[in-house]
Amino acid sequence: MKYPKTFWDERYESEAYVYGHQPNQFFQEQLTALTPGRILMPAEGEGRNGVFAARQGWEVSAFDLSEVGRRKALDWASENGVSLDYQVIQAEEVTYPTGHFDALGLIFANFGASHRPEIHQKLLTFLKPGGWVIFESYSKEQLEYQKQYNSGGPQNAEMLFSEAEIRSEFAGLEFVRLEKTEVVLQEGTGHQGPASMIRFVARKL
């Protein structure tokens, strides 16, 4: 199932930023190795990763379900002296020119399982040949970490990832790095503690 718009609006309604202001560590490490250009940030939420990218000189387009998330993201961008092109729209409905982006940042972008492969392939059409994908989200093993550490993530196993699913859903990419790993999250109040992650860096063929 998809998280409904109301779920995210309610999650983001507090003044505090649920996942903090700092970018995801893996995203930060990988993005700084690339030459700035145009980047697409799906499911961008409160804007921490998009604002970081903009501060590094990237032209950032983003989308999310949440009006509240968009407002907080634009506020954070304004505080940092940067701008985001940020739409409130379903992933199934979003559209950009083919081959428009130099990079795609998928950080905790947990789409509904029934349409997830199609969404991922659709997003890849917006990426130019030679463009980069930076991805991090929870692995299937995160369900056990939730019980032990309450470190976040969907509670539906179908919305979590295996390496085999990654390779299938992102067919057409050359994987430079793909791994399942344990990390200790320190991202606001929403992501805290040991967690099982799937992360990759790949280039579009």
N, C-alpha and C. Protein backbone atom coordinates (compact mmCIF):
# COMPACT_ATOMS: atom_id res chain seq x y z
N MET A 1 0.84 -1.20 0.00
CA MET A 1 0.00 0.00 0.00
C MET A 1 0.88 1.25 0.00
N LYS A 2 0.32 2.34 -0.49
CA LYS A 2 1.03 3.60 -0.47
C LYS A 2 0.74 4.32 0.84
N TYR A 3 1.72 5.04 1.33
CA TYR A 3 1.42 5.94 2.43
C TYR A 3 0.52 7.04 1.89
N PRO A 4 -0.62 7.32 2.55
CA PRO A 4 -1.49 8.39 2.05
C PRO A 4 -0.90 9.76 2.34
N LYS A 5 -1.39 10.71 1.57
CA LYS A 5 -0.95 12.10 1.74
C LYS A 5 -1.14 12.57 3.18
N THR A 6 -2.28 12.21 3.78
CA THR A 6 -2.57 12.67 5.15
C THR A 6 -1.55 12.14 6.15
N PHE A 7 -1.05 10.92 5.93
CA PHE A 7 -0.03 10.35 6.83
C PHE A 7 1.18 11.26 6.88
N TRP A 8 1.67 11.68 5.71
CA TRP A 8 2.88 12.50 5.67
C TRP A 8 2.61 13.93 6.11
N ASP A 9 1.46 14.48 5.77
CA ASP A 9 1.13 15.83 6.26
C ASP A 9 1.11 15.85 7.78
N GLU A 10 0.53 14.82 8.39
CA GLU A 10 0.48 14.75 9.85
C GLU A 10 1.87 14.53 10.44
N ARG A 11 2.67 13.71 9.79
CA ARG A 11 4.02 13.46 10.30
C ARG A 11 4.87 14.73 10.29
N TYR A 12 4.69 15.54 9.27
CA TYR A 12 5.53 16.73 9.10
C TYR A 12 4.97 17.99 9.77
N GLU A 13 3.79 17.90 10.41
CA GLU A 13 3.12 19.12 10.84
C GLU A 13 3.79 19.84 12.01
N SER A 14 4.64 19.15 12.76
CA SER A 14 5.33 19.82 13.87
C SER A 14 6.35 20.82 13.32
N GLU A 15 6.71 21.77 14.16
CA GLU A 15 7.69 22.77 13.75
C GLU A 15 9.07 22.14 13.52
N ALA A 16 9.38 21.13 14.31
CA ALA A 16 10.67 20.44 14.16
C ALA A 16 10.70 19.66 12.85
N TYR A 17 11.91 19.48 12.32
CA TYR A 17 12.10 18.69 11.11
C TYR A 17 12.30 17.23 11.53
N VAL A 18 11.35 16.37 11.13
CA VAL A 18 11.30 14.99 11.63
C VAL A 18 12.60 14.24 11.36
N TYR A 19 13.20 14.45 10.20
CA TYR A 19 14.44 13.75 9.84
C TYR A 19 15.65 14.68 9.89
N GLY A 20 15.48 15.81 10.56
CA GLY A 20 16.58 16.73 10.77
C GLY A 20 16.86 17.61 9.56
N HIS A 21 17.88 18.44 9.71
CA HIS A 21 18.31 19.34 8.65
C HIS A 21 19.50 18.81 7.86
N GLN A 22 20.24 17.89 8.43
CA GLN A 22 21.45 17.39 7.77
C GLN A 22 21.09 16.37 6.70
N PRO A 23 21.83 16.34 5.59
CA PRO A 23 21.55 15.36 4.54
C PRO A 23 21.88 13.94 5.01
N ASN A 24 21.28 12.99 4.34
CA ASN A 24 21.65 11.59 4.53
C ASN A 24 23.14 11.43 4.26
N GLN A 25 23.82 10.71 5.14
CA GLN A 25 25.28 10.63 5.06
C GLN A 25 25.76 9.99 3.76
N PHE A 26 25.12 8.90 3.35
CA PHE A 26 25.53 8.22 2.12
C PHE A 26 25.31 9.14 0.91
N PHE A 27 24.17 9.81 0.88
CA PHE A 27 23.88 10.75 -0.21
C PHE A 27 24.93 11.85 -0.26
N GLN A 28 25.25 12.40 0.88
CA GLN A 28 26.25 13.47 0.94
C GLN A 28 27.60 13.00 0.41
N GLU A 29 28.04 11.84 0.85
CA GLU A 29 29.34 11.31 0.43
C GLU A 29 29.40 11.10 -1.08
N GLN A 30 28.33 10.53 -1.63
CA GLN A 30 28.34 10.19 -3.05
C GLN A 30 28.12 11.41 -3.94
N LEU A 31 27.25 12.32 -3.52
CA LEU A 31 26.95 13.48 -4.36
C LEU A 31 28.16 14.39 -4.50
N THR A 32 28.93 14.54 -3.45
CA THR A 32 30.07 15.45 -3.51
C THR A 32 31.16 14.95 -4.45
N ALA A 33 31.08 13.69 -4.88
CA ALA A 33 32.05 13.16 -5.84
C ALA A 33 31.64 13.45 -7.28
N LEU A 34 30.43 13.99 -7.48
CA LEU A 34 29.93 14.23 -8.83
C LEU A 34 30.02 15.71 -9.20
N THR A 35 30.07 15.96 -10.51
CA THR A 35 30.04 17.33 -11.02
C THR A 35 28.60 17.83 -11.00
N PRO A 36 28.33 18.98 -10.39
CA PRO A 36 26.94 19.47 -10.30
C PRO A 36 26.29 19.66 -11.67
N GLY A 37 25.02 19.37 -11.71
CA GLY A 37 24.19 19.55 -12.90
C GLY A 37 22.74 19.60 -12.44
N ARG A 38 21.87 18.88 -13.13
CA ARG A 38 20.47 18.80 -12.71
C ARG A 38 20.23 17.50 -11.96
N ILE A 39 19.53 17.58 -10.82
CA ILE A 39 19.23 16.39 -10.04
C ILE A 39 17.74 16.35 -9.70
N LEU A 40 17.17 15.15 -9.74
CA LEU A 40 15.78 14.92 -9.35
C LEU A 40 15.75 14.19 -8.01
N MET A 41 14.94 14.72 -7.07
CA MET A 41 14.81 14.15 -5.73
C MET A 41 13.36 13.74 -5.50
N PRO A 42 12.98 12.50 -5.81
CA PRO A 42 11.63 12.03 -5.52
C PRO A 42 11.42 11.83 -4.02
N ALA A 43 10.16 11.96 -3.58
CA ALA A 43 9.80 11.75 -2.17
C ALA A 43 10.72 12.56 -1.25
N GLU A 44 10.87 13.84 -1.55
CA GLU A 44 11.88 14.67 -0.89
C GLU A 44 11.48 15.16 0.49
N GLY A 45 10.21 15.06 0.85
CA GLY A 45 9.82 15.39 2.22
C GLY A 45 10.17 16.80 2.62
N GLU A 46 10.86 16.94 3.75
CA GLU A 46 11.15 18.26 4.33
C GLU A 46 12.38 18.94 3.72
N GLY A 47 13.02 18.29 2.75
CA GLY A 47 14.00 19.00 1.93
C GLY A 47 15.46 18.93 2.32
N ARG A 48 15.80 18.12 3.31
CA ARG A 48 17.19 18.14 3.79
C ARG A 48 18.20 17.75 2.71
N ASN A 49 17.86 16.76 1.88
CA ASN A 49 18.80 16.32 0.85
C ASN A 49 18.80 17.25 -0.36
N GLY A 50 17.62 17.72 -0.75
CA GLY A 50 17.55 18.65 -1.87
C GLY A 50 18.25 19.96 -1.58
N VAL A 51 18.08 20.47 -0.37
CA VAL A 51 18.75 21.72 0.00
C VAL A 51 20.26 21.53 0.02
N PHE A 52 20.71 20.38 0.53
CA PHE A 52 22.15 20.11 0.50
C PHE A 52 22.66 20.12 -0.93
N ALA A 53 21.94 19.44 -1.84
CA ALA A 53 22.37 19.39 -3.24
C ALA A 53 22.42 20.79 -3.85
N ALA A 54 21.41 21.60 -3.56
CA ALA A 54 21.39 22.96 -4.09
C ALA A 54 22.57 23.78 -3.56
N ARG A 55 22.93 23.57 -2.32
CA ARG A 55 24.07 24.29 -1.74
C ARG A 55 25.39 23.87 -2.40
N GLN A 56 25.40 22.67 -2.99
CA GLN A 56 26.60 22.21 -3.70
C GLN A 56 26.62 22.65 -5.16
N GLY A 57 25.61 23.41 -5.57
CA GLY A 57 25.59 23.93 -6.93
C GLY A 57 24.69 23.17 -7.89
N TRP A 58 23.91 22.20 -7.38
CA TRP A 58 23.00 21.45 -8.24
C TRP A 58 21.72 22.24 -8.48
N GLU A 59 21.13 22.06 -9.66
CA GLU A 59 19.79 22.56 -9.96
C GLU A 59 18.81 21.46 -9.57
N VAL A 60 18.01 21.70 -8.54
CA VAL A 60 17.25 20.64 -7.89
C VAL A 60 15.77 20.70 -8.25
N SER A 61 15.25 19.59 -8.77
CA SER A 61 13.81 19.37 -8.91
C SER A 61 13.42 18.29 -7.92
N ALA A 62 12.26 18.47 -7.29
CA ALA A 62 11.82 17.52 -6.26
C ALA A 62 10.31 17.36 -6.33
N PHE A 63 9.84 16.23 -5.80
CA PHE A 63 8.39 16.07 -5.64
C PHE A 63 8.11 15.20 -4.42
N ASP A 64 6.88 15.32 -3.93
CA ASP A 64 6.45 14.57 -2.75
C ASP A 64 4.92 14.65 -2.70
N LEU A 65 4.33 13.79 -1.87
CA LEU A 65 2.88 13.83 -1.65
C LEU A 65 2.45 14.97 -0.74
N SER A 66 3.34 15.43 0.11
CA SER A 66 2.96 16.27 1.24
C SER A 66 3.12 17.77 0.98
N GLU A 67 2.01 18.50 1.10
CA GLU A 67 2.05 19.96 1.04
C GLU A 67 2.86 20.52 2.20
N VAL A 68 2.72 19.90 3.37
CA VAL A 68 3.44 20.37 4.55
C VAL A 68 4.94 20.16 4.37
N GLY A 69 5.31 19.00 3.84
CA GLY A 69 6.72 18.74 3.56
C GLY A 69 7.29 19.75 2.59
N ARG A 70 6.53 20.07 1.54
CA ARG A 70 7.00 21.06 0.56
C ARG A 70 7.21 22.42 1.22
N ARG A 71 6.25 22.85 2.03
CA ARG A 71 6.38 24.16 2.68
C ARG A 71 7.63 24.21 3.55
N LYS A 72 7.87 23.15 4.32
CA LYS A 72 9.05 23.13 5.20
C LYS A 72 10.34 23.08 4.37
N ALA A 73 10.30 22.34 3.26
CA ALA A 73 11.48 22.26 2.40
C ALA A 73 11.82 23.62 1.80
N LEU A 74 10.79 24.34 1.35
CA LEU A 74 11.04 25.66 0.75
C LEU A 74 11.49 26.67 1.80
N ASP A 75 10.96 26.53 3.02
CA ASP A 75 11.44 27.39 4.12
C ASP A 75 12.92 27.14 4.39
N TRP A 76 13.30 25.86 4.43
CA TRP A 76 14.69 25.50 4.71
C TRP A 76 15.60 25.96 3.57
N ALA A 77 15.11 25.83 2.34
CA ALA A 77 15.88 26.31 1.18
C ALA A 77 16.10 27.82 1.28
N SER A 78 15.04 28.55 1.62
CA SER A 78 15.15 30.00 1.74
C SER A 78 16.16 30.40 2.81
N GLU A 79 16.13 29.70 3.94
CA GLU A 79 17.09 29.98 5.01
C GLU A 79 18.53 29.77 4.55
N ASN A 80 18.71 28.86 3.59
CA ASN A 80 20.04 28.54 3.09
C ASN A 80 20.40 29.29 1.81
N GLY A 81 19.52 30.18 1.38
CA GLY A 81 19.82 30.99 0.21
C GLY A 81 19.82 30.24 -1.11
N VAL A 82 19.03 29.15 -1.18
CA VAL A 82 18.94 28.37 -2.41
C VAL A 82 17.47 28.18 -2.77
N SER A 83 17.21 27.59 -3.93
CA SER A 83 15.83 27.35 -4.36
C SER A 83 15.67 25.92 -4.83
N LEU A 84 14.44 25.41 -4.71
CA LEU A 84 14.06 24.09 -5.20
C LEU A 84 12.85 24.23 -6.10
N ASP A 85 12.82 23.49 -7.19
CA ASP A 85 11.62 23.35 -8.01
C ASP A 85 10.88 22.14 -7.45
N TYR A 86 9.84 22.36 -6.64
CA TYR A 86 9.26 21.31 -5.81
C TYR A 86 7.77 21.18 -6.11
N GLN A 87 7.36 20.01 -6.62
CA GLN A 87 5.96 19.73 -6.92
C GLN A 87 5.33 18.86 -5.84
N VAL A 88 4.03 19.04 -5.61
CA VAL A 88 3.26 18.10 -4.80
C VAL A 88 2.45 17.25 -5.77
N ILE A 89 2.85 15.98 -5.90
CA ILE A 89 2.26 15.12 -6.92
C ILE A 89 2.59 13.66 -6.61
N GLN A 90 1.73 12.76 -7.06
CA GLN A 90 1.99 11.32 -6.95
C GLN A 90 3.11 10.93 -7.92
N ALA A 91 3.91 9.96 -7.51
CA ALA A 91 4.98 9.47 -8.38
C ALA A 91 4.42 8.92 -9.69
N GLU A 92 3.24 8.30 -9.62
CA GLU A 92 2.63 7.74 -10.83
C GLU A 92 2.26 8.82 -11.84
N GLU A 93 2.08 10.05 -11.37
CA GLU A 93 1.59 11.13 -12.23
C GLU A 93 2.68 12.11 -12.66
N VAL A 94 3.83 12.05 -12.01
CA VAL A 94 4.86 13.05 -12.27
C VAL A 94 5.45 12.87 -13.68
N THR A 95 5.83 13.98 -14.28
CA THR A 95 6.46 13.89 -15.60
C THR A 95 7.53 14.97 -15.75
N TYR A 96 8.62 14.59 -16.38
CA TYR A 96 9.71 15.50 -16.72
C TYR A 96 10.19 15.12 -18.12
N PRO A 97 10.95 15.98 -18.78
CA PRO A 97 11.47 15.63 -20.10
C PRO A 97 12.38 14.40 -20.04
N THR A 98 12.33 13.59 -21.07
CA THR A 98 13.21 12.43 -21.17
C THR A 98 14.67 12.88 -21.20
N GLY A 99 15.50 12.20 -20.42
CA GLY A 99 16.93 12.49 -20.42
C GLY A 99 17.30 13.85 -19.89
N HIS A 100 16.50 14.39 -18.98
CA HIS A 100 16.68 15.77 -18.51
C HIS A 100 17.70 15.90 -17.39
N PHE A 101 17.84 14.87 -16.56
CA PHE A 101 18.63 15.00 -15.33
C PHE A 101 19.98 14.29 -15.42
N ASP A 102 20.94 14.87 -14.71
CA ASP A 102 22.28 14.28 -14.61
C ASP A 102 22.38 13.29 -13.45
N ALA A 103 21.46 13.40 -12.50
CA ALA A 103 21.49 12.52 -11.33
C ALA A 103 20.08 12.37 -10.77
N LEU A 104 19.89 11.25 -10.09
CA LEU A 104 18.63 10.91 -9.44
C LEU A 104 18.95 10.48 -8.02
N GLY A 105 18.38 11.17 -7.04
CA GLY A 105 18.63 10.83 -5.64
C GLY A 105 17.42 10.16 -5.02
N LEU A 106 17.52 8.88 -4.74
CA LEU A 106 16.43 8.12 -4.12
C LEU A 106 16.84 7.75 -2.70
N ILE A 107 16.46 8.59 -1.76
CA ILE A 107 16.84 8.40 -0.37
C ILE A 107 15.58 8.19 0.46
N PHE A 108 15.38 6.97 0.93
CA PHE A 108 14.17 6.58 1.66
C PHE A 108 12.92 6.92 0.84
N ALA A 109 12.98 6.68 -0.45
CA ALA A 109 11.83 6.90 -1.34
C ALA A 109 11.07 5.57 -1.44
N ASN A 110 10.15 5.37 -0.51
CA ASN A 110 9.48 4.07 -0.37
C ASN A 110 8.11 4.12 -1.05
N PHE A 111 8.07 3.72 -2.31
CA PHE A 111 6.82 3.73 -3.06
C PHE A 111 6.05 2.44 -2.82
N GLY A 112 4.73 2.49 -3.09
CA GLY A 112 3.90 1.31 -2.93
C GLY A 112 4.41 0.15 -3.77
N ALA A 113 4.41 -1.04 -3.16
CA ALA A 113 5.05 -2.20 -3.79
C ALA A 113 4.42 -2.58 -5.12
N SER A 114 3.10 -2.39 -5.26
CA SER A 114 2.43 -2.86 -6.47
C SER A 114 2.88 -2.11 -7.72
N HIS A 115 3.26 -0.83 -7.55
CA HIS A 115 3.67 -0.03 -8.71
C HIS A 115 5.15 0.34 -8.68
N ARG A 116 5.86 -0.15 -7.69
CA ARG A 116 7.24 0.30 -7.49
C ARG A 116 8.16 0.05 -8.69
N PRO A 117 8.17 -1.16 -9.27
CA PRO A 117 9.07 -1.37 -10.43
C PRO A 117 8.78 -0.40 -11.57
N GLU A 118 7.49 -0.16 -11.85
CA GLU A 118 7.13 0.76 -12.93
C GLU A 118 7.56 2.19 -12.61
N ILE A 119 7.40 2.59 -11.35
CA ILE A 119 7.82 3.94 -10.95
C ILE A 119 9.33 4.10 -11.12
N HIS A 120 10.09 3.10 -10.68
CA HIS A 120 11.54 3.20 -10.80
C HIS A 120 11.98 3.29 -12.27
N GLN A 121 11.36 2.48 -13.12
CA GLN A 121 11.72 2.54 -14.54
C GLN A 121 11.30 3.88 -15.16
N LYS A 122 10.17 4.40 -14.73
CA LYS A 122 9.73 5.71 -15.21
C LYS A 122 10.73 6.80 -14.82
N LEU A 123 11.18 6.76 -13.57
CA LEU A 123 12.14 7.77 -13.11
C LEU A 123 13.44 7.69 -13.90
N LEU A 124 13.84 6.48 -14.28
CA LEU A 124 15.07 6.33 -15.05
C LEU A 124 14.97 6.96 -16.43
N THR A 125 13.75 7.06 -16.98
CA THR A 125 13.62 7.71 -18.29
C THR A 125 13.95 9.20 -18.22
N PHE A 126 13.80 9.79 -17.04
CA PHE A 126 14.11 11.22 -16.87
C PHE A 126 15.61 11.47 -16.75
N LEU A 127 16.38 10.40 -16.59
CA LEU A 127 17.83 10.49 -16.39
C LEU A 127 18.54 10.34 -17.74
N LYS A 128 19.51 11.18 -17.99
CA LYS A 128 20.23 11.10 -19.26
C LYS A 128 21.19 9.91 -19.27
N PRO A 129 21.53 9.36 -20.42
CA PRO A 129 22.55 8.31 -20.47
C PRO A 129 23.84 8.81 -19.84
N GLY A 130 24.43 7.97 -19.00
CA GLY A 130 25.62 8.38 -18.26
C GLY A 130 25.30 9.06 -16.95
N GLY A 131 24.01 9.31 -16.70
CA GLY A 131 23.60 9.93 -15.44
C GLY A 131 23.68 8.96 -14.28
N TRP A 132 23.72 9.51 -13.07
CA TRP A 132 23.96 8.72 -11.86
C TRP A 132 22.72 8.57 -11.00
N VAL A 133 22.61 7.41 -10.35
CA VAL A 133 21.58 7.17 -9.34
C VAL A 133 22.26 6.92 -8.01
N ILE A 134 21.84 7.66 -6.99
CA ILE A 134 22.29 7.43 -5.61
C ILE A 134 21.07 6.97 -4.82
N PHE A 135 21.17 5.79 -4.24
CA PHE A 135 20.00 5.16 -3.60
C PHE A 135 20.36 4.66 -2.21
N GLU A 136 19.48 4.93 -1.26
CA GLU A 136 19.58 4.27 0.04
C GLU A 136 18.17 4.13 0.63
N SER A 137 17.87 2.91 1.09
CA SER A 137 16.62 2.66 1.78
C SER A 137 16.79 1.40 2.62
N TYR A 138 15.71 0.98 3.24
CA TYR A 138 15.77 -0.16 4.17
C TYR A 138 15.74 -1.50 3.44
N SER A 139 16.50 -2.45 3.96
CA SER A 139 16.48 -3.82 3.44
C SER A 139 15.34 -4.60 4.10
N LYS A 140 15.09 -5.79 3.58
CA LYS A 140 14.05 -6.66 4.16
C LYS A 140 14.32 -6.96 5.63
N GLU A 141 15.60 -7.01 6.01
CA GLU A 141 15.97 -7.33 7.39
C GLU A 141 15.59 -6.23 8.38
N GLN A 142 15.19 -5.06 7.87
CA GLN A 142 14.85 -3.95 8.76
C GLN A 142 13.68 -4.29 9.68
N LEU A 143 12.82 -5.22 9.29
CA LEU A 143 11.71 -5.61 10.16
C LEU A 143 12.20 -6.09 11.51
N GLU A 144 13.30 -6.84 11.52
CA GLU A 144 13.88 -7.30 12.79
C GLU A 144 14.52 -6.15 13.56
N TYR A 145 15.14 -5.23 12.83
CA TYR A 145 15.75 -4.06 13.49
C TYR A 145 14.68 -3.16 14.10
N GLN A 146 13.52 -3.10 13.46
CA GLN A 146 12.42 -2.31 14.03
C GLN A 146 12.01 -2.86 15.39
N LYS A 147 11.95 -4.18 15.50
CA LYS A 147 11.57 -4.81 16.77
C LYS A 147 12.60 -4.53 17.86
N GLN A 148 13.87 -4.58 17.48
CA GLN A 148 14.95 -4.41 18.46
C GLN A 148 15.25 -2.95 18.78
N TYR A 149 15.25 -2.12 17.73
CA TYR A 149 15.79 -0.76 17.89
C TYR A 149 14.81 0.36 17.53
N ASN A 150 13.67 0.02 16.93
CA ASN A 150 12.69 1.03 16.53
C ASN A 150 13.36 2.13 15.67
N SER A 151 14.12 1.69 14.67
CA SER A 151 14.92 2.63 13.88
C SER A 151 14.26 3.07 12.58
N GLY A 152 12.94 2.88 12.48
CA GLY A 152 12.20 3.47 11.36
C GLY A 152 11.95 2.53 10.20
N GLY A 153 11.25 3.06 9.21
CA GLY A 153 10.98 2.31 7.99
C GLY A 153 9.58 1.73 7.93
N PRO A 154 9.13 1.40 6.70
CA PRO A 154 7.83 0.76 6.53
C PRO A 154 7.76 -0.57 7.28
N GLN A 155 6.60 -0.89 7.78
CA GLN A 155 6.41 -2.16 8.48
C GLN A 155 5.85 -3.24 7.57
N ASN A 156 5.74 -2.92 6.30
CA ASN A 156 5.31 -3.86 5.28
C ASN A 156 6.54 -4.34 4.52
N ALA A 157 6.82 -5.64 4.59
CA ALA A 157 8.03 -6.18 3.96
C ALA A 157 8.07 -5.91 2.46
N GLU A 158 6.90 -5.80 1.82
CA GLU A 158 6.87 -5.57 0.38
C GLU A 158 7.41 -4.19 0.00
N MET A 159 7.47 -3.28 0.96
CA MET A 159 8.00 -1.94 0.69
C MET A 159 9.49 -1.83 1.00
N LEU A 160 10.08 -2.92 1.50
CA LEU A 160 11.51 -2.98 1.77
C LEU A 160 12.22 -3.64 0.59
N PHE A 161 13.54 -3.68 0.61
CA PHE A 161 14.30 -4.07 -0.58
C PHE A 161 15.26 -5.24 -0.33
N SER A 162 15.43 -6.05 -1.37
CA SER A 162 16.51 -7.03 -1.43
C SER A 162 17.42 -6.63 -2.58
N GLU A 163 18.63 -7.18 -2.59
CA GLU A 163 19.56 -6.88 -3.69
C GLU A 163 19.00 -7.37 -5.02
N ALA A 164 18.33 -8.52 -5.00
CA ALA A 164 17.75 -9.05 -6.24
C ALA A 164 16.67 -8.13 -6.79
N GLU A 165 15.85 -7.58 -5.91
CA GLU A 165 14.81 -6.64 -6.35
C GLU A 165 15.43 -5.37 -6.93
N ILE A 166 16.49 -4.90 -6.31
CA ILE A 166 17.18 -3.71 -6.82
C ILE A 166 17.65 -3.95 -8.25
N ARG A 167 18.33 -5.06 -8.47
CA ARG A 167 18.86 -5.35 -9.81
C ARG A 167 17.75 -5.47 -10.84
N SER A 168 16.62 -6.04 -10.44
CA SER A 168 15.49 -6.20 -11.35
C SER A 168 14.79 -4.87 -11.63
N GLU A 169 14.49 -4.13 -10.57
CA GLU A 169 13.71 -2.90 -10.72
C GLU A 169 14.51 -1.77 -11.36
N PHE A 170 15.82 -1.85 -11.27
CA PHE A 170 16.68 -0.82 -11.86
C PHE A 170 17.48 -1.38 -13.04
N ALA A 171 16.85 -2.27 -13.79
CA ALA A 171 17.49 -2.79 -15.00
C ALA A 171 17.80 -1.62 -15.94
N GLY A 172 18.98 -1.69 -16.55
CA GLY A 172 19.43 -0.60 -17.40
C GLY A 172 20.49 0.27 -16.76
N LEU A 173 20.86 -0.10 -15.52
CA LEU A 173 21.93 0.61 -14.82
C LEU A 173 23.18 -0.26 -14.71
N GLU A 174 24.31 0.39 -14.69
CA GLU A 174 25.58 -0.27 -14.39
C GLU A 174 25.91 0.04 -12.93
N PHE A 175 25.89 -1.00 -12.10
CA PHE A 175 26.09 -0.79 -10.67
C PHE A 175 27.57 -0.66 -10.35
N VAL A 176 27.94 0.48 -9.81
CA VAL A 176 29.30 0.72 -9.36
C VAL A 176 29.48 0.19 -7.94
N ARG A 177 28.42 0.29 -7.17
CA ARG A 177 28.42 -0.17 -5.78
C ARG A 177 27.00 -0.57 -5.42
N LEU A 178 26.84 -1.76 -4.86
CA LEU A 178 25.55 -2.24 -4.37
C LEU A 178 25.80 -3.10 -3.16
N GLU A 179 25.21 -2.73 -2.03
CA GLU A 179 25.49 -3.47 -0.80
C GLU A 179 24.32 -3.40 0.17
N LYS A 180 24.23 -4.44 0.96
CA LYS A 180 23.38 -4.42 2.15
C LYS A 180 24.30 -4.24 3.34
N THR A 181 23.97 -3.32 4.22
CA THR A 181 24.88 -3.02 5.32
C THR A 181 24.10 -2.53 6.53
N GLU A 182 24.71 -2.67 7.69
CA GLU A 182 24.13 -2.10 8.91
C GLU A 182 24.73 -0.72 9.15
N VAL A 183 23.88 0.24 9.44
CA VAL A 183 24.34 1.59 9.78
C VAL A 183 23.64 2.02 11.06
N VAL A 184 24.20 3.00 11.73
CA VAL A 184 23.55 3.62 12.88
C VAL A 184 23.03 4.97 12.42
N LEU A 185 21.71 5.07 12.31
CA LEU A 185 21.09 6.29 11.81
C LEU A 185 21.02 7.35 12.90
N GLN A 186 21.30 8.59 12.50
CA GLN A 186 21.15 9.75 13.38
C GLN A 186 20.56 10.88 12.55
N GLU A 187 19.28 10.72 12.20
CA GLU A 187 18.61 11.66 11.30
C GLU A 187 17.33 12.15 11.96
N GLY A 188 17.44 13.26 12.71
CA GLY A 188 16.28 13.78 13.41
C GLY A 188 15.73 12.79 14.41
N THR A 189 14.43 12.86 14.67
CA THR A 189 13.79 11.88 15.56
C THR A 189 13.25 10.70 14.78
N GLY A 190 13.12 10.84 13.45
CA GLY A 190 12.48 9.81 12.64
C GLY A 190 13.35 8.63 12.31
N HIS A 191 14.66 8.83 12.21
CA HIS A 191 15.60 7.76 11.89
C HIS A 191 16.69 7.75 12.94
N GLN A 192 16.57 6.87 13.91
CA GLN A 192 17.54 6.80 15.00
C GLN A 192 17.86 5.35 15.32
N GLY A 193 19.15 5.02 15.39
CA GLY A 193 19.57 3.71 15.85
C GLY A 193 20.03 2.79 14.75
N PRO A 194 20.47 1.58 15.12
CA PRO A 194 20.95 0.60 14.14
C PRO A 194 19.85 0.22 13.15
N ALA A 195 20.23 0.10 11.88
CA ALA A 195 19.27 -0.21 10.83
C ALA A 195 19.95 -1.01 9.73
N SER A 196 19.16 -1.79 9.01
CA SER A 196 19.67 -2.59 7.90
C SER A 196 19.30 -1.90 6.59
N MET A 197 20.32 -1.52 5.84
CA MET A 197 20.13 -0.69 4.65
C MET A 197 20.56 -1.41 3.38
N ILE A 198 19.89 -1.04 2.28
CA ILE A 198 20.36 -1.34 0.93
C ILE A 198 20.77 0.00 0.32
N ARG A 199 21.96 0.04 -0.24
CA ARG A 199 22.43 1.29 -0.86
C ARG A 199 23.16 0.96 -2.15
N PHE A 200 23.06 1.88 -3.10
CA PHE A 200 23.82 1.68 -4.32
C PHE A 200 24.14 3.00 -5.01
N VAL A 201 25.18 2.94 -5.83
CA VAL A 201 25.51 3.99 -6.78
C VAL A 201 25.59 3.31 -8.14
N ALA A 202 24.91 3.88 -9.13
CA ALA A 202 24.89 3.24 -10.44
C ALA A 202 24.79 4.31 -11.53
N ARG A 203 25.18 3.90 -12.73
CA ARG A 203 25.18 4.81 -13.87
C ARG A 203 24.25 4.26 -14.95
N LYS A 204 23.49 5.14 -15.58
CA LYS A 204 22.59 4.71 -16.64
C LYS A 204 23.38 4.43 -17.91
N LEU A 205 23.12 3.27 -18.47
CA LEU A 205 23.81 2.87 -19.70
C LEU A 205 23.27 3.63 -20.90
